[in-house]
Amino acid sequence: KGGNANSDNSVSVTDLSCIAGDFGGAPSTCNSLPLISSDVNGDGTVNVFDLVMAGGNFGKTSPQPWQ
């Protein structure tokens, strides 16, 4: 949701690092939950849209999902 790649209910440097580390490739799991990944918008690839979403919600808690 909203760039929260590791499901800790906030968007932080940890989320950005996970997304940036997979940029241009296949998504990976950013924590132990199998449904949470670096592909935060769910389009099947880690791209600029994932980074934009995370950047736009950086520092927020309970970020909003991709619309």
Protein backbone atom coordinates (compact mmCIF):
# COMPACT_ATOMS: atom_id res chain seq x y z
CA LYS A 1 0.00 0.00 0.00
CA GLY A 2 1.20 3.46 -0.89
CA GLY A 3 4.86 2.51 -1.07
CA ASN A 4 4.93 0.53 2.16
CA ALA A 5 7.00 -2.36 0.81
CA ASN A 6 7.70 -4.04 4.15
CA SER A 7 4.23 -3.82 5.74
CA ASP A 8 5.25 -1.83 8.83
CA ASN A 9 2.45 0.74 8.29
CA SER A 10 4.79 3.57 7.33
CA VAL A 11 6.89 4.57 4.32
CA SER A 12 10.53 4.98 5.28
CA VAL A 13 14.07 4.64 3.95
CA THR A 14 13.73 0.88 4.41
CA ASP A 15 10.90 0.78 1.88
CA LEU A 16 12.76 2.99 -0.59
CA SER A 17 15.88 0.83 -0.27
CA CYS A 18 13.93 -2.34 -0.99
CA ILE A 19 12.23 -0.82 -4.03
CA ALA A 20 15.40 0.80 -5.37
CA GLY A 21 17.36 -2.42 -4.91
CA ASP A 22 14.96 -4.27 -7.21
CA PHE A 23 14.46 -1.41 -9.67
CA GLY A 24 14.17 -2.65 -13.25
CA GLY A 25 13.85 -6.28 -12.26
CA ALA A 26 11.60 -8.79 -10.65
CA PRO A 27 10.02 -7.92 -7.32
CA SER A 28 11.35 -9.47 -4.13
CA THR A 29 9.87 -9.93 -0.69
CA CYS A 30 10.82 -7.03 1.57
CA ASN A 31 10.04 -8.87 4.82
CA SER A 32 8.83 -12.27 5.97
CA LEU A 33 5.29 -11.79 4.67
CA PRO A 34 5.07 -13.40 1.23
CA LEU A 35 2.43 -11.01 -0.14
CA ILE A 36 4.42 -7.83 0.53
CA SER A 37 7.02 -6.94 -2.08
CA SER A 38 9.00 -4.20 -3.75
CA ASP A 39 6.33 -4.05 -6.49
CA VAL A 40 4.06 -1.81 -4.42
CA ASN A 41 1.62 -1.03 -7.22
CA GLY A 42 1.22 -4.67 -8.23
CA ASP A 43 1.95 -4.35 -11.95
CA GLY A 44 4.47 -7.21 -11.97
CA THR A 45 7.69 -5.19 -12.22
CA VAL A 46 9.64 -2.79 -10.04
CA ASN A 47 9.68 0.51 -11.89
CA VAL A 48 9.47 4.27 -11.55
CA PHE A 49 5.81 4.07 -10.52
CA ASP A 50 6.77 2.14 -7.38
CA LEU A 51 9.42 4.72 -6.51
CA VAL A 52 7.04 7.63 -7.17
CA MET A 53 4.38 6.12 -4.94
CA ALA A 54 6.86 5.50 -2.12
CA GLY A 55 8.39 8.96 -2.52
CA GLY A 56 4.99 10.64 -2.48
CA ASN A 57 4.06 8.89 0.75
CA PHE A 58 7.50 9.10 2.38
CA GLY A 59 7.25 9.68 6.12
CA LYS A 60 3.52 8.95 6.24
CA THR A 61 1.82 6.28 8.30
CA SER A 62 -1.12 4.32 6.95
CA PRO A 63 -0.26 5.27 3.33
CA GLN A 64 -2.98 5.08 0.70
CA PRO A 65 -2.98 2.34 -1.93
CA TRP A 66 -2.31 2.86 -5.64
CA GLN A 67 -5.37 4.20 -7.43
